[in-house]
Amino acid sequence: MAPLGILRAAVAGIGWLVLAVLLALGGAGVAAALNHTPGTAARAELTFVADSAAKPAIDGAAAQLAGLASAVDQVGVAGRDALTSLLNGDTAALQTALNAGAARLSAVNAASDALARALAAVPYITGHSELYVSPALAARYDQLGKARMLVSGLADNWTVISEQALDASAVPALLAKHDGYTAKAVRDGSAARYGQALKLLDSADAAATQTGAFRDRLAKNADVTTLTAWLNAKTAYDGALRNLYATLRDAKGHVTSAVRKALAAEQQARAGLPKDATGVVGIMNDIARGGLNQAVIAIDTTKGLINAVLNQGQ
């Protein structure tokens, strides 16, 4: 073949190769376009109908979630009010806060049920939602459903607050009741009314036992170290005082070696008593820092997580 013919043939061959590559790329592009799954940004028109129907319903569910967040916030407010009232020793305000919290917890349950109904009413979302709605709407729907589940532990948190607050509120009065009986026993014992003093110590023991029962319940979620130390010191003194008065009664008021030994034990036990009532404040603070405070924090955390979901949709 002549050189010119060879050149023309080579150019034609190159031209065909370029054309073949372009056709291949074009074919691949068409195939890729045809293979887009519904719901991708490249083929939004495939989910337009379902998205148009589902989005208003999902927006309505988000509005229900906002109501749920508000209800959770109100439970948190009641919890903080209860904690403040407990530390202030205001039992009336404490009961008011606990009653309000119980009512607001019912509002949370109602809001959660309303959200569940709103989610169930969203069309095209059940089953193979990826075939109908866009991934963004499907993801938003899942977020709302998971946010609703965040309140599942709220009732348990409120139970901790209500039960522990009531138990804790009884502690200062019981400690004062115990100390009152012991003080009266000391007065009667000093007047040689040993029988009457021993009866009063029985009442002091009963008050200490009641306090111990509250302490044991509080110990599940709170720090009761200080309260336990107080109870141990007070019951040890009651025991030493009881032994002294019983010994004096048996000795008919005479100072015997047994009386001297019992008196030394009473003085040693007295040295271990709290010096004043300021420790009660420490006891209540310890209890509040435990389960009560943690339960209030958990409620506030739940509200924050729900708000985060709401903000993602804005």
Protein backbone atom coordinates (compact mmCIF):
# COMPACT_ATOMS: atom_id res chain seq x y z
CA MET A 1 0.00 0.00 0.00
CA ALA A 2 1.23 3.49 -0.76
CA PRO A 3 2.48 5.53 2.19
CA LEU A 4 -0.43 7.91 1.84
CA GLY A 5 -2.91 5.00 1.95
CA ILE A 6 -1.21 3.58 5.04
CA LEU A 7 -1.49 6.95 6.79
CA ARG A 8 -5.15 7.28 5.96
CA ALA A 9 -5.82 3.78 7.26
CA ALA A 10 -3.99 4.54 10.53
CA VAL A 11 -5.94 7.76 11.04
CA ALA A 12 -9.19 5.95 10.35
CA GLY A 13 -8.21 3.23 12.83
CA ILE A 14 -7.45 5.81 15.53
CA GLY A 15 -10.69 7.60 14.80
CA TRP A 16 -12.65 4.41 15.21
CA LEU A 17 -10.84 3.60 18.49
CA VAL A 18 -11.75 7.01 19.90
CA LEU A 19 -15.33 6.57 18.75
CA ALA A 20 -15.47 3.11 20.32
CA VAL A 21 -14.19 4.44 23.65
CA LEU A 22 -16.73 7.28 23.61
CA LEU A 23 -19.52 4.87 22.79
CA ALA A 24 -18.42 2.57 25.59
CA LEU A 25 -18.30 5.40 28.07
CA GLY A 26 -21.65 6.64 26.91
CA GLY A 27 -23.12 3.18 27.21
CA ALA A 28 -21.70 2.82 30.69
CA GLY A 29 -23.21 6.16 31.61
CA VAL A 30 -26.61 5.08 30.39
CA ALA A 31 -26.31 1.81 32.24
CA ALA A 32 -25.25 3.57 35.41
CA ALA A 33 -28.15 5.97 35.11
CA LEU A 34 -30.54 3.10 34.66
CA ASN A 35 -29.03 1.32 37.65
CA HIS A 36 -29.50 4.18 40.15
CA THR A 37 -31.49 2.89 43.11
CA PRO A 38 -34.62 4.84 43.91
CA GLY A 39 -34.04 7.49 46.45
CA THR A 40 -30.57 8.61 45.42
CA ALA A 41 -30.01 12.28 44.74
CA ALA A 42 -29.42 11.46 41.09
CA ARG A 43 -32.97 10.17 40.65
CA ALA A 44 -35.02 12.19 43.09
CA GLU A 45 -37.94 12.07 40.69
CA LEU A 46 -38.32 8.37 41.43
CA THR A 47 -39.23 9.14 45.08
CA PHE A 48 -41.00 12.44 44.51
CA VAL A 49 -44.53 11.11 44.92
CA ALA A 50 -43.77 9.12 48.08
CA ASP A 51 -41.61 11.90 49.53
CA SER A 52 -44.36 14.44 48.94
CA ALA A 53 -46.78 12.28 50.91
CA ALA A 54 -44.37 11.19 53.64
CA LYS A 55 -42.64 14.49 54.43
CA PRO A 56 -45.66 16.33 55.89
CA ALA A 57 -46.42 13.29 58.05
CA ILE A 58 -42.80 13.12 59.24
CA ASP A 59 -42.87 16.85 59.98
CA GLY A 60 -46.00 16.23 62.04
CA ALA A 61 -44.19 13.48 63.93
CA ALA A 62 -41.32 15.91 64.59
CA ALA A 63 -43.83 18.35 66.07
CA GLN A 64 -45.05 15.58 68.36
CA LEU A 65 -41.43 14.95 69.37
CA ALA A 66 -41.11 18.63 70.28
CA GLY A 67 -44.10 18.19 72.57
CA LEU A 68 -42.43 15.15 74.09
CA ALA A 69 -39.25 17.15 74.72
CA SER A 70 -41.27 19.82 76.50
CA ALA A 71 -42.98 17.22 78.70
CA VAL A 72 -39.61 15.66 79.61
CA ASP A 73 -38.28 19.10 80.50
CA GLN A 74 -41.18 19.64 82.91
CA VAL A 75 -40.39 16.34 84.65
CA GLY A 76 -36.81 17.56 85.04
CA VAL A 77 -38.06 20.82 86.56
CA ALA A 78 -40.11 18.86 89.09
CA GLY A 79 -37.08 16.73 89.92
CA ARG A 80 -34.91 19.78 90.57
CA ASP A 81 -37.66 21.33 92.69
CA ALA A 82 -37.88 18.12 94.72
CA LEU A 83 -34.14 18.08 95.27
CA THR A 84 -34.09 21.71 96.39
CA SER A 85 -37.03 21.20 98.75
CA LEU A 86 -35.36 18.14 100.27
CA LEU A 87 -32.13 20.01 100.99
CA ASN A 88 -34.11 22.92 102.43
CA GLY A 89 -36.04 20.58 104.69
CA ASP A 90 -39.35 21.79 103.24
CA THR A 91 -41.47 18.64 103.26
CA ALA A 92 -44.61 20.43 102.01
CA ALA A 93 -42.79 21.82 98.97
CA LEU A 94 -41.20 18.41 98.43
CA GLN A 95 -44.59 16.70 98.29
CA THR A 96 -45.88 19.36 95.91
CA ALA A 97 -42.90 18.80 93.60
CA LEU A 98 -43.33 15.02 93.70
CA ASN A 99 -47.04 15.31 92.88
CA ALA A 100 -46.22 17.64 89.98
CA GLY A 101 -43.56 15.26 88.69
CA ALA A 102 -45.97 12.31 88.72
CA ALA A 103 -48.52 14.31 86.72
CA ARG A 104 -45.87 15.47 84.26
CA LEU A 105 -44.66 11.91 83.83
CA SER A 106 -48.19 11.03 82.71
CA ALA A 107 -47.92 13.87 80.18
CA VAL A 108 -44.68 12.34 78.90
CA ASN A 109 -46.39 9.00 78.38
CA ALA A 110 -49.25 10.69 76.53
CA ALA A 111 -46.81 12.61 74.31
CA SER A 112 -44.86 9.42 73.61
CA ASP A 113 -48.05 7.64 72.56
CA ALA A 114 -48.99 10.57 70.32
CA LEU A 115 -45.57 10.39 68.66
CA ALA A 116 -45.98 6.64 68.13
CA ARG A 117 -49.31 7.22 66.39
CA ALA A 118 -47.81 9.96 64.23
CA LEU A 119 -44.94 7.71 63.17
CA ALA A 120 -47.31 4.85 62.37
CA ALA A 121 -49.32 7.17 60.12
CA VAL A 122 -46.36 8.05 57.87
CA PRO A 123 -47.06 6.53 54.42
CA TYR A 124 -44.59 4.54 52.32
CA ILE A 125 -42.24 4.11 55.27
CA THR A 126 -42.92 0.56 56.41
CA GLY A 127 -41.41 -2.47 54.76
CA HIS A 128 -39.02 -1.70 51.90
CA SER A 129 -39.02 2.06 52.37
CA GLU A 130 -35.86 2.36 50.24
CA LEU A 131 -38.00 1.55 47.20
CA TYR A 132 -40.29 4.51 47.79
CA VAL A 133 -38.84 7.35 49.86
CA SER A 134 -35.51 9.14 49.78
CA PRO A 135 -32.75 8.03 52.14
CA ALA A 136 -32.89 11.41 53.90
CA LEU A 137 -36.56 11.00 54.79
CA ALA A 138 -36.07 7.37 55.82
CA ALA A 139 -33.17 8.40 58.06
CA ARG A 140 -35.24 11.19 59.60
CA TYR A 141 -38.04 8.75 60.33
CA ASP A 142 -35.59 6.40 62.07
CA GLN A 143 -34.21 9.29 64.14
CA LEU A 144 -37.66 10.20 65.37
CA GLY A 145 -38.41 6.61 66.30
CA LYS A 146 -35.15 6.25 68.23
CA ALA A 147 -35.75 9.57 69.98
CA ARG A 148 -39.08 8.27 71.26
CA MET A 149 -37.30 5.32 72.83
CA LEU A 150 -35.09 7.68 74.84
CA VAL A 151 -37.90 8.21 77.35
CA SER A 152 -38.22 4.50 78.13
CA GLY A 153 -36.16 4.87 81.31
CA LEU A 154 -37.80 8.06 82.52
CA ALA A 155 -40.27 6.30 84.82
CA ASP A 156 -37.43 4.48 86.58
CA ASN A 157 -35.55 7.74 87.08
CA TRP A 158 -38.63 9.36 88.57
CA THR A 159 -39.17 6.38 90.88
CA VAL A 160 -35.67 6.90 92.25
CA ILE A 161 -36.41 10.58 92.85
CA SER A 162 -39.81 10.09 94.47
CA GLU A 163 -38.93 7.10 96.66
CA GLN A 164 -35.54 8.34 97.77
CA ALA A 165 -36.73 11.88 98.39
CA LEU A 166 -39.52 10.64 100.65
CA ASP A 167 -37.19 8.27 102.50
CA ALA A 168 -34.53 10.95 102.86
CA SER A 169 -37.02 13.55 104.07
CA ALA A 170 -37.91 11.31 107.00
CA VAL A 171 -34.33 10.99 108.22
CA PRO A 172 -33.81 14.39 109.96
CA ALA A 173 -37.07 14.07 111.89
CA LEU A 174 -36.25 10.52 112.99
CA LEU A 175 -32.78 11.54 114.13
CA ALA A 176 -34.29 14.42 116.13
CA LYS A 177 -36.90 12.06 117.58
CA HIS A 178 -34.18 9.65 118.66
CA ASP A 179 -32.11 12.41 120.25
CA GLY A 180 -35.18 13.70 122.08
CA TYR A 181 -35.82 10.33 123.69
CA THR A 182 -32.16 9.95 124.67
CA ALA A 183 -32.07 13.45 126.18
CA LYS A 184 -35.16 12.68 128.27
CA ALA A 185 -33.59 9.40 129.37
CA VAL A 186 -30.51 11.29 130.56
CA ARG A 187 -32.68 13.67 132.59
CA ASP A 188 -34.59 10.81 134.21
CA GLY A 189 -31.38 8.86 134.87
CA SER A 190 -29.77 11.90 136.47
CA ALA A 191 -32.78 12.05 138.82
CA ALA A 192 -32.35 8.35 139.66
CA ARG A 193 -35.53 7.42 137.75
CA TYR A 194 -33.73 4.50 136.15
CA GLY A 195 -36.79 2.50 135.16
CA GLN A 196 -38.30 5.44 133.30
CA ALA A 197 -34.96 6.21 131.67
CA LEU A 198 -34.70 2.66 130.36
CA LYS A 199 -38.19 2.88 128.84
CA LEU A 200 -37.22 6.09 127.06
CA LEU A 201 -34.12 4.37 125.72
CA ASP A 202 -36.41 1.67 124.29
CA SER A 203 -38.19 4.44 122.34
CA ALA A 204 -34.82 5.83 121.23
CA ASP A 205 -33.87 2.37 119.95
CA ALA A 206 -37.12 2.17 117.99
CA ALA A 207 -36.43 5.53 116.32
CA ALA A 208 -32.89 4.40 115.47
CA THR A 209 -34.25 1.18 113.98
CA GLN A 210 -36.66 3.16 111.79
CA THR A 211 -33.83 5.39 110.64
CA GLY A 212 -31.77 2.32 109.85
CA ALA A 213 -34.56 0.96 107.65
CA PHE A 214 -34.65 4.20 105.65
CA ARG A 215 -30.85 4.15 105.49
CA ASP A 216 -30.86 0.64 104.02
CA ARG A 217 -33.29 1.66 101.28
CA LEU A 218 -31.32 4.80 100.49
CA ALA A 219 -28.10 2.81 100.31
CA LYS A 220 -29.21 1.30 96.99
CA ASN A 221 -28.58 4.58 95.19
CA ALA A 222 -27.04 7.03 97.65
CA ASP A 223 -24.00 7.53 99.83
CA VAL A 224 -25.07 6.78 103.41
CA THR A 225 -21.61 6.69 104.96
CA THR A 226 -22.17 9.72 107.19
CA LEU A 227 -25.64 8.57 108.20
CA THR A 228 -24.32 5.13 109.11
CA ALA A 229 -21.55 6.67 111.21
CA TRP A 230 -24.12 8.78 113.06
CA LEU A 231 -26.37 5.83 113.72
CA ASN A 232 -23.49 3.70 114.95
CA ALA A 233 -22.31 6.41 117.34
CA LYS A 234 -25.80 7.11 118.68
CA THR A 235 -26.76 3.48 119.17
CA ALA A 236 -23.41 2.79 120.84
CA TYR A 237 -24.10 5.60 123.29
CA ASP A 238 -27.65 4.38 123.90
CA GLY A 239 -26.25 0.95 124.73
CA ALA A 240 -23.68 2.36 127.13
CA LEU A 241 -26.30 4.56 128.78
CA ARG A 242 -28.67 1.62 129.12
CA ASN A 243 -25.97 -0.44 130.76
CA LEU A 244 -25.14 2.40 133.17
CA TYR A 245 -28.74 2.91 134.29
CA ALA A 246 -29.42 -0.79 134.59
CA THR A 247 -26.26 -1.17 136.71
CA LEU A 248 -27.23 1.80 138.91
CA ARG A 249 -30.73 0.39 139.32
CA ASP A 250 -29.35 -2.98 140.38
CA ALA A 251 -26.87 -1.30 142.76
CA LYS A 252 -29.72 0.75 144.21
CA GLY A 253 -27.78 3.94 143.58
CA HIS A 254 -24.57 2.84 145.27
CA VAL A 255 -21.27 3.45 143.49
CA THR A 256 -19.84 -0.01 142.95
CA SER A 257 -16.99 -1.23 140.76
CA ALA A 258 -19.59 -2.28 138.19
CA VAL A 259 -21.06 1.22 138.27
CA ARG A 260 -17.62 2.80 137.83
CA LYS A 261 -16.94 0.52 134.85
CA ALA A 262 -20.34 1.31 133.30
CA LEU A 263 -19.77 5.05 133.83
CA ALA A 264 -16.36 4.90 132.09
CA ALA A 265 -17.96 3.12 129.13
CA GLU A 266 -20.72 5.75 128.98
CA GLN A 267 -18.17 8.57 128.96
CA GLN A 268 -16.17 6.88 126.21
CA ALA A 269 -19.30 6.39 124.08
CA ARG A 270 -20.34 9.99 124.71
CA ALA A 271 -17.00 11.20 123.32
CA GLY A 272 -17.85 9.51 120.02
CA LEU A 273 -21.14 11.35 119.56
CA PRO A 274 -21.49 14.12 116.92
CA LYS A 275 -20.66 17.47 118.47
CA ASP A 276 -23.68 19.27 116.97
CA ALA A 277 -26.50 18.87 114.46
CA THR A 278 -24.61 20.35 111.50
CA GLY A 279 -23.80 16.83 110.35
CA VAL A 280 -27.41 16.42 109.29
CA VAL A 281 -26.71 18.84 106.45
CA GLY A 282 -23.83 16.62 105.36
CA ILE A 283 -26.05 13.55 105.54
CA MET A 284 -28.67 15.14 103.30
CA ASN A 285 -26.05 16.40 100.86
CA ASP A 286 -24.56 12.92 100.61
CA ILE A 287 -27.97 11.44 99.86
CA ALA A 288 -28.75 14.14 97.29
CA ARG A 289 -25.43 13.67 95.49
CA GLY A 290 -26.20 10.01 95.01
CA GLY A 291 -29.16 8.53 93.20
CA LEU A 292 -31.35 11.62 93.47
CA ASN A 293 -28.95 13.93 91.69
CA GLN A 294 -28.04 11.28 89.12
CA ALA A 295 -31.70 10.66 88.33
CA VAL A 296 -32.29 14.38 87.76
CA ILE A 297 -29.21 14.52 85.52
CA ALA A 298 -30.47 11.50 83.55
CA ILE A 299 -33.79 13.25 82.89
CA ASP A 300 -32.03 16.41 81.71
CA THR A 301 -29.74 14.32 79.51
CA THR A 302 -32.77 12.67 77.91
CA LYS A 303 -34.22 16.09 77.12
CA GLY A 304 -30.90 17.16 75.59
CA LEU A 305 -30.70 14.08 73.36
CA ILE A 306 -34.26 14.62 72.13
CA ASN A 307 -33.50 18.28 71.38
CA ALA A 308 -30.43 17.19 69.42
CA VAL A 309 -32.66 15.06 67.17
CA LEU A 310 -35.04 17.97 66.72
CA ASN A 311 -32.18 20.30 65.78
CA GLN A 312 -30.90 17.87 63.16
CA GLY A 313 -34.13 18.29 61.26
CA GLN A 314 -33.92 22.06 61.10
